[in-house]
Structures are given as structure tokens and as C-alpha cells.
Amino acid sequence: VRSATVGMAVLDGAAAPFAEGRWLFSHNGVVRGWPDAVVPLAAGL
């Protein structure tokens, strides 16, 4: 169940679990300084 960080989208696709193949994934938390702080990480994708 989700509590969205202010400014982040509230839509079906934003709710966990995320999936691919047999994998399911969930995150409980927040990335500080979003999105600027993780631009270098995103650039590697």
C-alpha cells in the first residue's frame, strides 16, 4: 500500500509491485533530492 511523496504521480503504474518475467519488486521509502540526486544513476540506464 502506497503513501506517495509530494509531487510524485498517483496512478496505477506507480503502485508496487513492479514486474518483469518472474520478478516482482517493491520499494518502501523515498529517494532524497529527487530527481536531481539520482541523475548520474539514471544516466547509466
All heavy atoms as atom14 arrays in JSON, in Angstrom:
{
  "sequence": "VRSATVGMAVLDGAAAPFAEGRWLFSHNGVVRGWPDAVVPLAAGL",
  "atom14_mask": [
    [1, 1, 1, 1, 1, 1, 1, 0, 0, 0, 0, 0, 0, 0],
    [1, 1, 1, 1, 1, 1, 1, 1, 1, 1, 1, 0, 0, 0],
    [1, 1, 1, 1, 1, 1, 0, 0, 0, 0, 0, 0, 0, 0],
    [1, 1, 1, 1, 1, 0, 0, 0, 0, 0, 0, 0, 0, 0],
    [1, 1, 1, 1, 1, 1, 1, 0, 0, 0, 0, 0, 0, 0],
    [1, 1, 1, 1, 1, 1, 1, 0, 0, 0, 0, 0, 0, 0],
    [1, 1, 1, 1, 0, 0, 0, 0, 0, 0, 0, 0, 0, 0],
    [1, 1, 1, 1, 1, 1, 1, 1, 0, 0, 0, 0, 0, 0],
    [1, 1, 1, 1, 1, 0, 0, 0, 0, 0, 0, 0, 0, 0],
    [1, 1, 1, 1, 1, 1, 1, 0, 0, 0, 0, 0, 0, 0],
    [1, 1, 1, 1, 1, 1, 1, 1, 0, 0, 0, 0, 0, 0],
    [1, 1, 1, 1, 1, 1, 1, 1, 0, 0, 0, 0, 0, 0],
    [1, 1, 1, 1, 0, 0, 0, 0, 0, 0, 0, 0, 0, 0],
    [1, 1, 1, 1, 1, 0, 0, 0, 0, 0, 0, 0, 0, 0],
    [1, 1, 1, 1, 1, 0, 0, 0, 0, 0, 0, 0, 0, 0],
    [1, 1, 1, 1, 1, 0, 0, 0, 0, 0, 0, 0, 0, 0],
    [1, 1, 1, 1, 1, 1, 1, 0, 0, 0, 0, 0, 0, 0],
    [1, 1, 1, 1, 1, 1, 1, 1, 1, 1, 1, 0, 0, 0],
    [1, 1, 1, 1, 1, 0, 0, 0, 0, 0, 0, 0, 0, 0],
    [1, 1, 1, 1, 1, 1, 1, 1, 1, 0, 0, 0, 0, 0],
    [1, 1, 1, 1, 0, 0, 0, 0, 0, 0, 0, 0, 0, 0],
    [1, 1, 1, 1, 1, 1, 1, 1, 1, 1, 1, 0, 0, 0],
    [1, 1, 1, 1, 1, 1, 1, 1, 1, 1, 1, 1, 1, 1],
    [1, 1, 1, 1, 1, 1, 1, 1, 0, 0, 0, 0, 0, 0],
    [1, 1, 1, 1, 1, 1, 1, 1, 1, 1, 1, 0, 0, 0],
    [1, 1, 1, 1, 1, 1, 0, 0, 0, 0, 0, 0, 0, 0],
    [1, 1, 1, 1, 1, 1, 1, 1, 1, 1, 0, 0, 0, 0],
    [1, 1, 1, 1, 1, 1, 1, 1, 0, 0, 0, 0, 0, 0],
    [1, 1, 1, 1, 0, 0, 0, 0, 0, 0, 0, 0, 0, 0],
    [1, 1, 1, 1, 1, 1, 1, 0, 0, 0, 0, 0, 0, 0],
    [1, 1, 1, 1, 1, 1, 1, 0, 0, 0, 0, 0, 0, 0],
    [1, 1, 1, 1, 1, 1, 1, 1, 1, 1, 1, 0, 0, 0],
    [1, 1, 1, 1, 0, 0, 0, 0, 0, 0, 0, 0, 0, 0],
    [1, 1, 1, 1, 1, 1, 1, 1, 1, 1, 1, 1, 1, 1],
    [1, 1, 1, 1, 1, 1, 1, 0, 0, 0, 0, 0, 0, 0],
    [1, 1, 1, 1, 1, 1, 1, 1, 0, 0, 0, 0, 0, 0],
    [1, 1, 1, 1, 1, 0, 0, 0, 0, 0, 0, 0, 0, 0],
    [1, 1, 1, 1, 1, 1, 1, 0, 0, 0, 0, 0, 0, 0],
    [1, 1, 1, 1, 1, 1, 1, 0, 0, 0, 0, 0, 0, 0],
    [1, 1, 1, 1, 1, 1, 1, 0, 0, 0, 0, 0, 0, 0],
    [1, 1, 1, 1, 1, 1, 1, 1, 0, 0, 0, 0, 0, 0],
    [1, 1, 1, 1, 1, 0, 0, 0, 0, 0, 0, 0, 0, 0],
    [1, 1, 1, 1, 1, 0, 0, 0, 0, 0, 0, 0, 0, 0],
    [1, 1, 1, 1, 0, 0, 0, 0, 0, 0, 0, 0, 0, 0],
    [1, 1, 1, 1, 1, 1, 1, 1, 0, 0, 0, 0, 0, 0]
  ],
  "atom14_positions": [
    [[0.88, -1.17, 0.0], [0.0, 0.0, 0.0], [0.91, 1.22, 0.0], [1.99, 1.2, 0.59], [-0.97, 0.01, 1.2], [-2.02, -1.08, 1.05], [-0.23, -0.13, 2.52], [0.0, 0.0, 0.0], [0.0, 0.0, 0.0], [0.0, 0.0, 0.0], [0.0, 0.0, 0.0], [0.0, 0.0, 0.0], [0.0, 0.0, 0.0], [0.0, 0.0, 0.0]],
    [[0.47, 2.3, -0.67], [1.38, 3.39, -1.0], [0.99, 4.71, -0.35], [-0.18, 5.08, -0.32], [1.41, 3.57, -2.52], [2.36, 4.66, -3.01], [2.47, 4.66, -4.53], [3.44, 5.66, -4.97], [3.16, 6.71, -5.72], [1.92, 6.9, -6.16], [4.1, 7.57, -6.05], [0.0, 0.0, 0.0], [0.0, 0.0, 0.0], [0.0, 0.0, 0.0]],
    [[2.02, 5.41, 0.12], [1.91, 6.81, 0.52], [2.86, 7.59, -0.37], [4.07, 7.5, -0.24], [2.3, 6.99, 1.99], [2.31, 8.35, 2.36], [0.0, 0.0, 0.0], [0.0, 0.0, 0.0], [0.0, 0.0, 0.0], [0.0, 0.0, 0.0], [0.0, 0.0, 0.0], [0.0, 0.0, 0.0], [0.0, 0.0, 0.0], [0.0, 0.0, 0.0]],
    [[2.3, 8.33, -1.32], [3.12, 8.99, -2.34], [3.84, 10.2, -1.77], [3.27, 10.99, -1.02], [2.26, 9.41, -3.52], [0.0, 0.0, 0.0], [0.0, 0.0, 0.0], [0.0, 0.0, 0.0], [0.0, 0.0, 0.0], [0.0, 0.0, 0.0], [0.0, 0.0, 0.0], [0.0, 0.0, 0.0], [0.0, 0.0, 0.0], [0.0, 0.0, 0.0]],
    [[5.1, 10.36, -2.15], [5.84, 11.57, -1.84], [5.2, 12.74, -2.59], [4.76, 12.59, -3.73], [7.31, 11.43, -2.27], [7.87, 10.31, -1.58], [8.1, 12.68, -1.95], [0.0, 0.0, 0.0], [0.0, 0.0, 0.0], [0.0, 0.0, 0.0], [0.0, 0.0, 0.0], [0.0, 0.0, 0.0], [0.0, 0.0, 0.0], [0.0, 0.0, 0.0]],
    [[5.13, 13.89, -1.94], [4.53, 15.07, -2.56], [5.2, 15.35, -3.91], [6.43, 15.36, -4.02], [4.68, 16.3, -1.64], [4.19, 17.55, -2.35], [3.91, 16.08, -0.34], [0.0, 0.0, 0.0], [0.0, 0.0, 0.0], [0.0, 0.0, 0.0], [0.0, 0.0, 0.0], [0.0, 0.0, 0.0], [0.0, 0.0, 0.0], [0.0, 0.0, 0.0]],
    [[4.38, 15.53, -4.92], [4.87, 15.84, -6.26], [5.02, 14.63, -7.15], [5.23, 14.79, -8.36], [0.0, 0.0, 0.0], [0.0, 0.0, 0.0], [0.0, 0.0, 0.0], [0.0, 0.0, 0.0], [0.0, 0.0, 0.0], [0.0, 0.0, 0.0], [0.0, 0.0, 0.0], [0.0, 0.0, 0.0], [0.0, 0.0, 0.0], [0.0, 0.0, 0.0]],
    [[4.93, 13.42, -6.59], [5.04, 12.23, -7.42], [3.66, 11.75, -7.86], [2.66, 11.96, -7.2], [5.79, 11.12, -6.69], [7.25, 11.45, -6.48], [8.23, 10.01, -6.04], [9.82, 10.82, -5.75], [0.0, 0.0, 0.0], [0.0, 0.0, 0.0], [0.0, 0.0, 0.0], [0.0, 0.0, 0.0], [0.0, 0.0, 0.0], [0.0, 0.0, 0.0]],
    [[3.64, 11.08, -9.01], [2.39, 10.7, -9.65], [1.6, 9.71, -8.79], [2.18, 8.84, -8.13], [2.67, 10.08, -11.01], [0.0, 0.0, 0.0], [0.0, 0.0, 0.0], [0.0, 0.0, 0.0], [0.0, 0.0, 0.0], [0.0, 0.0, 0.0], [0.0, 0.0, 0.0], [0.0, 0.0, 0.0], [0.0, 0.0, 0.0], [0.0, 0.0, 0.0]],
    [[0.28, 9.87, -8.82], [-0.62, 8.91, -8.2], [-1.43, 8.28, -9.33], [-2.4, 8.86, -9.83], [-1.54, 9.57, -7.16], [-2.5, 8.55, -6.57], [-0.7, 10.21, -6.05], [0.0, 0.0, 0.0], [0.0, 0.0, 0.0], [0.0, 0.0, 0.0], [0.0, 0.0, 0.0], [0.0, 0.0, 0.0], [0.0, 0.0, 0.0], [0.0, 0.0, 0.0]],
    [[-1.01, 7.12, -9.77], [-1.66, 6.39, -10.85], [-1.37, 4.92, -10.69], [-0.49, 4.53, -9.92], [-1.2, 6.89, -12.22], [0.25, 6.66, -12.67], [0.37, 6.87, -14.16], [1.21, 7.58, -11.95], [0.0, 0.0, 0.0], [0.0, 0.0, 0.0], [0.0, 0.0, 0.0], [0.0, 0.0, 0.0], [0.0, 0.0, 0.0], [0.0, 0.0, 0.0]],
    [[-2.11, 4.08, -11.42], [-1.97, 2.64, -11.24], [-0.52, 2.2, -11.38], [-0.02, 1.38, -10.59], [-2.83, 1.9, -12.26], [-4.32, 2.06, -12.04], [-4.71, 2.68, -11.03], [-5.09, 1.55, -12.87], [0.0, 0.0, 0.0], [0.0, 0.0, 0.0], [0.0, 0.0, 0.0], [0.0, 0.0, 0.0], [0.0, 0.0, 0.0], [0.0, 0.0, 0.0]],
    [[0.18, 2.71, -12.39], [1.53, 2.27, -12.67], [2.55, 2.66, -11.63], [3.68, 2.15, -11.66], [0.0, 0.0, 0.0], [0.0, 0.0, 0.0], [0.0, 0.0, 0.0], [0.0, 0.0, 0.0], [0.0, 0.0, 0.0], [0.0, 0.0, 0.0], [0.0, 0.0, 0.0], [0.0, 0.0, 0.0], [0.0, 0.0, 0.0], [0.0, 0.0, 0.0]],
    [[2.2, 3.56, -10.72], [3.13, 3.96, -9.67], [3.08, 3.04, -8.46], [3.92, 3.14, -7.56], [2.83, 5.39, -9.23], [0.0, 0.0, 0.0], [0.0, 0.0, 0.0], [0.0, 0.0, 0.0], [0.0, 0.0, 0.0], [0.0, 0.0, 0.0], [0.0, 0.0, 0.0], [0.0, 0.0, 0.0], [0.0, 0.0, 0.0], [0.0, 0.0, 0.0]],
    [[2.11, 2.15, -8.41], [1.95, 1.25, -7.26], [2.74, -0.03, -7.46], [2.77, -0.59, -8.56], [0.46, 0.92, -7.06], [0.0, 0.0, 0.0], [0.0, 0.0, 0.0], [0.0, 0.0, 0.0], [0.0, 0.0, 0.0], [0.0, 0.0, 0.0], [0.0, 0.0, 0.0], [0.0, 0.0, 0.0], [0.0, 0.0, 0.0], [0.0, 0.0, 0.0]],
    [[3.4, -0.47, -6.42], [4.08, -1.77, -6.45], [3.03, -2.88, -6.37], [1.9, -2.65, -5.91], [5.05, -1.86, -5.28], [0.0, 0.0, 0.0], [0.0, 0.0, 0.0], [0.0, 0.0, 0.0], [0.0, 0.0, 0.0], [0.0, 0.0, 0.0], [0.0, 0.0, 0.0], [0.0, 0.0, 0.0], [0.0, 0.0, 0.0], [0.0, 0.0, 0.0]],
    [[3.39, -4.09, -6.81], [4.72, -4.48, -7.26], [4.96, -4.18, -8.74], [4.07, -4.27, -9.56], [4.74, -5.99, -7.01], [3.32, -6.41, -7.13], [2.5, -5.27, -6.6], [0.0, 0.0, 0.0], [0.0, 0.0, 0.0], [0.0, 0.0, 0.0], [0.0, 0.0, 0.0], [0.0, 0.0, 0.0], [0.0, 0.0, 0.0], [0.0, 0.0, 0.0]],
    [[6.22, -3.83, -9.03], [6.68, -3.72, -10.4], [7.1, -5.12, -10.84], [7.41, -5.98, -10.01], [7.86, -2.74, -10.48], [7.49, -1.36, -9.99], [7.71, -1.0, -8.67], [6.91, -0.44, -10.84], [7.37, 0.26, -8.21], [6.57, 0.83, -10.39], [6.8, 1.18, -9.07], [0.0, 0.0, 0.0], [0.0, 0.0, 0.0], [0.0, 0.0, 0.0]],
    [[7.13, -5.35, -12.16], [7.33, -6.73, -12.61], [8.04, -6.81, -13.95], [7.93, -5.91, -14.78], [5.98, -7.44, -12.71], [0.0, 0.0, 0.0], [0.0, 0.0, 0.0], [0.0, 0.0, 0.0], [0.0, 0.0, 0.0], [0.0, 0.0, 0.0], [0.0, 0.0, 0.0], [0.0, 0.0, 0.0], [0.0, 0.0, 0.0], [0.0, 0.0, 0.0]],
    [[8.75, -7.91, -14.11], [9.27, -8.34, -15.42], [9.55, -9.82, -15.33], [10.24, -10.29, -14.4], [10.53, -7.59, -15.82], [11.06, -8.08, -17.18], [12.22, -7.25, -17.69], [11.95, -6.2, -18.29], [13.38, -7.67, -17.49], [0.0, 0.0, 0.0], [0.0, 0.0, 0.0], [0.0, 0.0, 0.0], [0.0, 0.0, 0.0], [0.0, 0.0, 0.0]],
    [[9.04, -10.59, -16.29], [9.22, -12.03, -16.23], [8.7, -12.59, -14.92], [7.58, -12.32, -14.52], [0.0, 0.0, 0.0], [0.0, 0.0, 0.0], [0.0, 0.0, 0.0], [0.0, 0.0, 0.0], [0.0, 0.0, 0.0], [0.0, 0.0, 0.0], [0.0, 0.0, 0.0], [0.0, 0.0, 0.0], [0.0, 0.0, 0.0], [0.0, 0.0, 0.0]],
    [[9.54, -13.34, -14.22], [9.13, -13.91, -12.93], [9.39, -12.98, -11.76], [9.06, -13.31, -10.63], [9.86, -15.24, -12.68], [9.32, -16.39, -13.51], [9.83, -17.73, -12.99], [9.51, -17.97, -11.58], [8.33, -18.42, -11.14], [7.35, -18.66, -12.0], [8.12, -18.63, -9.85], [0.0, 0.0, 0.0], [0.0, 0.0, 0.0], [0.0, 0.0, 0.0]],
    [[9.97, -11.82, -12.01], [10.35, -10.93, -10.91], [9.21, -10.03, -10.47], [8.48, -9.47, -11.31], [11.54, -10.05, -11.32], [12.78, -10.81, -11.63], [13.36, -11.01, -12.85], [13.61, -11.51, -10.69], [14.48, -11.78, -12.74], [14.66, -12.11, -11.43], [13.56, -11.69, -9.31], [15.66, -12.86, -10.82], [14.55, -12.44, -8.72], [15.59, -13.02, -9.45]],
    [[9.09, -9.85, -9.17], [8.24, -8.83, -8.56], [9.11, -7.98, -7.65], [9.98, -8.51, -6.94], [7.11, -9.46, -7.75], [6.01, -10.18, -8.53], [5.04, -10.88, -7.57], [5.24, -9.22, -9.44], [0.0, 0.0, 0.0], [0.0, 0.0, 0.0], [0.0, 0.0, 0.0], [0.0, 0.0, 0.0], [0.0, 0.0, 0.0], [0.0, 0.0, 0.0]],
    [[8.83, -6.66, -7.6], [9.68, -5.73, -6.87], [8.82, -4.69, -6.16], [7.82, -4.21, -6.69], [10.62, -5.02, -7.84], [11.43, -3.9, -7.23], [12.64, -4.17, -6.6], [10.98, -2.59, -7.27], [13.4, -3.14, -6.03], [11.72, -1.55, -6.7], [12.93, -1.84, -6.08], [0.0, 0.0, 0.0], [0.0, 0.0, 0.0], [0.0, 0.0, 0.0]],
    [[9.25, -4.31, -4.95], [8.58, -3.25, -4.2], [9.62, -2.39, -3.49], [10.72, -2.86, -3.18], [7.62, -3.87, -3.17], [6.97, -2.88, -2.41], [0.0, 0.0, 0.0], [0.0, 0.0, 0.0], [0.0, 0.0, 0.0], [0.0, 0.0, 0.0], [0.0, 0.0, 0.0], [0.0, 0.0, 0.0], [0.0, 0.0, 0.0], [0.0, 0.0, 0.0]],
    [[9.24, -1.14, -3.23], [10.11, -0.2, -2.51], [9.3, 0.5, -1.44], [8.25, 1.09, -1.73], [10.68, 0.85, -3.49], [11.31, 2.04, -2.82], [11.05, 3.34, -3.23], [12.17, 2.13, -1.78], [11.73, 4.18, -2.48], [12.41, 3.47, -1.58], [0.0, 0.0, 0.0], [0.0, 0.0, 0.0], [0.0, 0.0, 0.0], [0.0, 0.0, 0.0]],
    [[9.78, 0.46, -0.23], [9.21, 1.22, 0.88], [10.23, 2.28, 1.26], [11.29, 1.96, 1.8], [8.92, 0.3, 2.07], [8.51, 1.08, 3.3], [8.04, 2.2, 3.22], [8.69, 0.47, 4.47], [0.0, 0.0, 0.0], [0.0, 0.0, 0.0], [0.0, 0.0, 0.0], [0.0, 0.0, 0.0], [0.0, 0.0, 0.0], [0.0, 0.0, 0.0]],
    [[9.94, 3.56, 0.95], [10.89, 4.6, 1.29], [10.8, 5.8, 0.36], [9.77, 6.08, -0.23], [0.0, 0.0, 0.0], [0.0, 0.0, 0.0], [0.0, 0.0, 0.0], [0.0, 0.0, 0.0], [0.0, 0.0, 0.0], [0.0, 0.0, 0.0], [0.0, 0.0, 0.0], [0.0, 0.0, 0.0], [0.0, 0.0, 0.0], [0.0, 0.0, 0.0]],
    [[11.93, 6.49, 0.23], [11.99, 7.72, -0.57], [13.43, 7.97, -0.97], [14.36, 7.66, -0.22], [11.44, 8.92, 0.23], [12.25, 9.19, 1.49], [11.36, 10.17, -0.63], [0.0, 0.0, 0.0], [0.0, 0.0, 0.0], [0.0, 0.0, 0.0], [0.0, 0.0, 0.0], [0.0, 0.0, 0.0], [0.0, 0.0, 0.0], [0.0, 0.0, 0.0]],
    [[13.63, 8.49, -2.16], [14.95, 8.93, -2.62], [15.03, 10.43, -2.41], [14.27, 11.2, -3.0], [15.18, 8.57, -4.1], [16.47, 9.22, -4.61], [15.25, 7.06, -4.27], [0.0, 0.0, 0.0], [0.0, 0.0, 0.0], [0.0, 0.0, 0.0], [0.0, 0.0, 0.0], [0.0, 0.0, 0.0], [0.0, 0.0, 0.0], [0.0, 0.0, 0.0]],
    [[15.94, 10.86, -1.54], [16.08, 12.29, -1.24], [16.67, 13.05, -2.43], [17.51, 12.51, -3.16], [16.98, 12.49, -0.03], [16.5, 11.78, 1.24], [15.18, 12.3, 1.72], [14.76, 11.61, 2.94], [13.53, 11.65, 3.41], [12.59, 12.31, 2.78], [13.23, 11.01, 4.54], [0.0, 0.0, 0.0], [0.0, 0.0, 0.0], [0.0, 0.0, 0.0]],
    [[16.21, 14.27, -2.59], [16.73, 15.11, -3.66], [16.26, 14.7, -5.04], [16.88, 15.06, -6.04], [0.0, 0.0, 0.0], [0.0, 0.0, 0.0], [0.0, 0.0, 0.0], [0.0, 0.0, 0.0], [0.0, 0.0, 0.0], [0.0, 0.0, 0.0], [0.0, 0.0, 0.0], [0.0, 0.0, 0.0], [0.0, 0.0, 0.0], [0.0, 0.0, 0.0]],
    [[15.17, 13.95, -5.09], [14.61, 13.51, -6.37], [14.18, 14.72, -7.21], [13.6, 15.64, -6.68], [13.41, 12.6, -6.12], [12.64, 12.25, -7.36], [11.56, 12.9, -7.87], [12.9, 11.15, -8.23], [11.12, 12.29, -9.01], [11.93, 11.21, -9.26], [13.86, 10.14, -8.25], [11.89, 10.29, -10.29], [13.8, 9.23, -9.28], [12.83, 9.3, -10.29]],
    [[14.47, 14.7, -8.52], [15.2, 13.66, -9.26], [16.69, 13.96, -9.43], [17.44, 13.13, -9.91], [14.51, 13.68, -10.62], [14.17, 15.13, -10.82], [13.81, 15.67, -9.44], [0.0, 0.0, 0.0], [0.0, 0.0, 0.0], [0.0, 0.0, 0.0], [0.0, 0.0, 0.0], [0.0, 0.0, 0.0], [0.0, 0.0, 0.0], [0.0, 0.0, 0.0]],
    [[17.11, 15.18, -9.06], [18.48, 15.61, -9.38], [19.54, 14.7, -8.79], [20.56, 14.43, -9.43], [18.69, 17.05, -8.9], [17.76, 18.03, -9.59], [17.59, 17.91, -10.82], [17.18, 18.89, -8.91], [0.0, 0.0, 0.0], [0.0, 0.0, 0.0], [0.0, 0.0, 0.0], [0.0, 0.0, 0.0], [0.0, 0.0, 0.0], [0.0, 0.0, 0.0]],
    [[19.31, 14.23, -7.56], [20.34, 13.46, -6.88], [20.7, 12.17, -7.62], [21.84, 11.7, -7.55], [19.89, 13.13, -5.46], [0.0, 0.0, 0.0], [0.0, 0.0, 0.0], [0.0, 0.0, 0.0], [0.0, 0.0, 0.0], [0.0, 0.0, 0.0], [0.0, 0.0, 0.0], [0.0, 0.0, 0.0], [0.0, 0.0, 0.0], [0.0, 0.0, 0.0]],
    [[19.74, 11.6, -8.34], [19.98, 10.3, -8.97], [20.12, 10.4, -10.49], [20.09, 9.38, -11.18], [18.87, 9.3, -8.6], [19.01, 8.86, -7.15], [17.49, 9.88, -8.85], [0.0, 0.0, 0.0], [0.0, 0.0, 0.0], [0.0, 0.0, 0.0], [0.0, 0.0, 0.0], [0.0, 0.0, 0.0], [0.0, 0.0, 0.0], [0.0, 0.0, 0.0]],
    [[20.29, 11.6, -11.0], [20.53, 11.75, -12.44], [21.74, 10.93, -12.89], [21.68, 10.24, -13.92], [20.68, 13.24, -12.82], [21.25, 13.39, -14.23], [19.34, 13.94, -12.73], [0.0, 0.0, 0.0], [0.0, 0.0, 0.0], [0.0, 0.0, 0.0], [0.0, 0.0, 0.0], [0.0, 0.0, 0.0], [0.0, 0.0, 0.0], [0.0, 0.0, 0.0]],
    [[22.87, 10.94, -12.16], [24.01, 10.12, -12.6], [23.68, 8.63, -12.65], [24.16, 7.92, -13.53], [25.08, 10.42, -11.56], [24.73, 11.77, -11.03], [23.24, 11.79, -11.0], [0.0, 0.0, 0.0], [0.0, 0.0, 0.0], [0.0, 0.0, 0.0], [0.0, 0.0, 0.0], [0.0, 0.0, 0.0], [0.0, 0.0, 0.0], [0.0, 0.0, 0.0]],
    [[22.87, 8.14, -11.71], [22.49, 6.73, -11.75], [21.58, 6.44, -12.94], [21.75, 5.45, -13.65], [21.78, 6.33, -10.45], [22.58, 6.42, -9.16], [21.74, 5.94, -8.0], [23.87, 5.63, -9.25], [0.0, 0.0, 0.0], [0.0, 0.0, 0.0], [0.0, 0.0, 0.0], [0.0, 0.0, 0.0], [0.0, 0.0, 0.0], [0.0, 0.0, 0.0]],
    [[20.61, 7.32, -13.18], [19.71, 7.13, -14.31], [20.44, 7.18, -15.63], [20.07, 6.49, -16.59], [18.61, 8.2, -14.27], [0.0, 0.0, 0.0], [0.0, 0.0, 0.0], [0.0, 0.0, 0.0], [0.0, 0.0, 0.0], [0.0, 0.0, 0.0], [0.0, 0.0, 0.0], [0.0, 0.0, 0.0], [0.0, 0.0, 0.0], [0.0, 0.0, 0.0]],
    [[21.5, 7.98, -15.7], [22.26, 8.11, -16.95], [22.93, 6.8, -17.34], [23.28, 6.63, -18.52], [23.31, 9.21, -16.8], [0.0, 0.0, 0.0], [0.0, 0.0, 0.0], [0.0, 0.0, 0.0], [0.0, 0.0, 0.0], [0.0, 0.0, 0.0], [0.0, 0.0, 0.0], [0.0, 0.0, 0.0], [0.0, 0.0, 0.0], [0.0, 0.0, 0.0]],
    [[23.11, 5.9, -16.41], [23.72, 4.62, -16.73], [22.75, 3.59, -17.27], [23.17, 2.48, -17.64], [0.0, 0.0, 0.0], [0.0, 0.0, 0.0], [0.0, 0.0, 0.0], [0.0, 0.0, 0.0], [0.0, 0.0, 0.0], [0.0, 0.0, 0.0], [0.0, 0.0, 0.0], [0.0, 0.0, 0.0], [0.0, 0.0, 0.0], [0.0, 0.0, 0.0]],
    [[21.46, 3.92, -17.35], [20.46, 3.0, -17.86], [20.26, 3.2, -19.36], [20.43, 4.31, -19.87], [19.12, 3.22, -17.14], [19.06, 2.83, -15.67], [17.75, 3.31, -15.06], [19.22, 1.33, -15.49], [0.0, 0.0, 0.0], [0.0, 0.0, 0.0], [0.0, 0.0, 0.0], [0.0, 0.0, 0.0], [0.0, 0.0, 0.0], [0.0, 0.0, 0.0]]
  ]
}
